[in-house]
Amino acid sequence: MSKREKFKKHSNNISNTNKNICGLAVATTLGVANATRYLHTMDDIVKAARTRFTVRSRLSQLNKNKSIGNARAKMNSLANDHTIGFLIGIDGHVLLADANGQTITDTDPRQRDRRKVTELYIIERI
């Protein structure tokens, strides 16, 4: 069984196993939900977003073990006039924040977000 078949088999989206719910929600907000066939991994979401925006990793700008709550101030300092927002990856989940670090799209929202950031991408206009 290929890696992609495993992703499809364990997808949390019953109506379309090619796209996980959280990735689809983020891609829909960005207007790129139909840009790629699959939305299982952060690489899939970044590939879709790059059809319309400039997307670059900014994880190295964060200290180790940063939670989403702690990373919000850093996101604000990384933003510029062209920034649309940030893709934030955590273990098995993705969410979208605006240029100020405030959550725009999250299918599993938290009052106090202590989930550890594993991936961080800045999204800017081309």
Protein backbone atom coordinates (compact mmCIF):
# COMPACT_ATOMS: atom_id res chain seq x y z
CA MET A 1 0.00 0.00 0.00
CA SER A 2 1.42 3.37 -1.01
CA LYS A 3 1.73 6.32 1.34
CA ARG A 4 -1.07 8.16 -0.49
CA GLU A 5 -3.39 5.15 -0.19
CA LYS A 6 -2.74 5.13 3.57
CA PHE A 7 -3.60 8.83 3.77
CA LYS A 8 -6.84 8.19 1.89
CA LYS A 9 -7.71 5.18 4.05
CA HIS A 10 -7.24 7.18 7.27
CA SER A 11 -8.79 10.42 5.98
CA ASN A 12 -11.22 12.16 8.32
CA ASN A 13 -13.32 13.40 5.38
CA ILE A 14 -15.92 10.77 4.49
CA SER A 15 -17.29 12.65 1.47
CA ASN A 16 -13.86 13.13 -0.18
CA THR A 17 -11.02 10.98 1.16
CA ASN A 18 -8.53 12.87 -1.03
CA LYS A 19 -8.78 15.91 1.27
CA ASN A 20 -8.68 16.00 5.07
CA ILE A 21 -11.17 18.31 6.74
CA CYS A 22 -8.68 20.74 8.31
CA GLY A 23 -6.59 21.03 5.13
CA LEU A 24 -9.70 21.54 3.03
CA ALA A 25 -10.99 24.27 5.38
CA VAL A 26 -7.69 26.16 5.20
CA ALA A 27 -7.44 25.75 1.41
CA THR A 28 -11.05 26.90 0.98
CA THR A 29 -10.36 30.04 3.03
CA LEU A 30 -7.34 30.77 0.81
CA GLY A 31 -9.38 30.07 -2.34
CA VAL A 32 -7.16 27.18 -3.47
CA ALA A 33 -9.24 24.13 -2.49
CA ASN A 34 -9.42 22.88 -6.07
CA ALA A 35 -5.81 23.69 -7.02
CA THR A 36 -4.52 20.19 -6.18
CA ARG A 37 -6.02 16.73 -6.04
CA TYR A 38 -4.87 15.93 -2.49
CA LEU A 39 -4.91 17.87 0.78
CA HIS A 40 -3.56 15.41 3.33
CA THR A 41 -0.21 16.87 4.34
CA MET A 42 1.29 20.31 4.85
CA ASP A 43 3.21 19.81 1.60
CA ASP A 44 -0.12 19.34 -0.22
CA ILE A 45 -1.54 22.53 1.30
CA VAL A 46 1.62 24.53 0.55
CA LYS A 47 1.58 23.27 -3.05
CA ALA A 48 -2.03 24.40 -3.44
CA ALA A 49 -1.36 27.78 -1.82
CA ARG A 50 1.64 28.40 -4.08
CA THR A 51 -0.66 28.41 -7.10
CA ARG A 52 -1.93 31.79 -5.89
CA PHE A 53 0.52 33.10 -3.24
CA THR A 54 4.15 33.12 -2.21
CA VAL A 55 4.58 30.62 0.64
CA ARG A 56 7.83 30.37 2.64
CA SER A 57 8.78 28.52 5.79
CA ARG A 58 9.38 30.58 8.91
CA LEU A 59 9.74 27.79 11.49
CA SER A 60 13.41 28.64 12.06
CA GLN A 61 12.31 32.06 13.34
CA LEU A 62 10.59 30.46 16.33
CA ASN A 63 12.28 29.14 19.43
CA LYS A 64 12.02 25.42 20.09
CA ASN A 65 8.83 24.12 21.71
CA LYS A 66 6.73 27.17 20.82
CA SER A 67 3.03 26.77 21.36
CA ILE A 68 0.57 28.51 19.06
CA GLY A 69 -0.26 30.96 21.82
CA ASN A 70 3.41 31.85 22.33
CA ALA A 71 4.09 32.10 18.59
CA ARG A 72 1.42 34.76 17.92
CA ALA A 73 3.68 37.70 18.85
CA LYS A 74 6.46 36.37 16.64
CA MET A 75 4.04 36.02 13.72
CA ASN A 76 3.08 39.66 14.17
CA SER A 77 6.74 40.72 13.98
CA LEU A 78 7.35 38.57 10.85
CA ALA A 79 4.41 40.08 8.96
CA ASN A 80 4.78 42.87 6.42
CA ASP A 81 2.49 44.81 4.07
CA HIS A 82 2.22 41.82 1.67
CA THR A 83 1.39 39.21 4.31
CA ILE A 84 -1.93 37.41 3.93
CA GLY A 85 -1.41 35.15 6.94
CA PHE A 86 0.35 32.10 8.33
CA LEU A 87 -0.10 28.36 7.85
CA ILE A 88 0.49 26.69 11.20
CA GLY A 89 1.14 22.97 11.38
CA ILE A 90 0.76 21.00 14.57
CA ASP A 91 0.85 17.24 15.02
CA GLY A 92 -1.81 15.89 12.60
CA HIS A 93 -3.56 19.25 12.14
CA VAL A 94 -3.26 22.56 10.29
CA LEU A 95 -4.79 25.98 10.87
CA LEU A 96 -4.64 29.44 9.33
CA ALA A 97 -3.82 32.66 11.17
CA ASP A 98 -3.92 36.24 9.93
CA ALA A 99 -0.92 38.60 9.76
CA ASN A 100 -1.37 39.46 13.44
CA GLY A 101 -1.34 35.80 14.48
CA GLN A 102 -5.06 35.60 15.22
CA THR A 103 -6.78 32.41 14.13
CA ILE A 104 -8.87 32.64 10.96
CA THR A 105 -9.59 28.97 10.24
CA ASP A 106 -9.31 26.12 12.74
CA THR A 107 -11.52 23.02 12.70
CA ASP A 108 -10.43 22.21 16.28
CA PRO A 109 -10.38 25.61 18.07
CA ARG A 110 -9.06 26.09 21.60
CA GLN A 111 -9.61 28.83 24.18
CA ARG A 112 -5.96 28.71 25.27
CA ASP A 113 -3.91 27.15 22.53
CA ARG A 114 -0.92 25.26 23.92
CA ARG A 115 -0.45 22.92 20.95
CA LYS A 116 3.19 22.79 19.78
CA VAL A 117 3.95 24.38 16.41
CA THR A 118 5.75 21.89 14.15
CA GLU A 119 5.50 23.87 10.89
CA LEU A 120 5.06 27.57 10.18
CA TYR A 121 4.70 29.17 6.75
CA ILE A 122 4.15 32.82 5.86
CA ILE A 123 1.70 33.47 3.02
CA GLU A 124 2.24 36.63 0.96
CA ARG A 125 0.77 38.16 -2.18
CA ILE A 126 2.76 37.45 -5.31
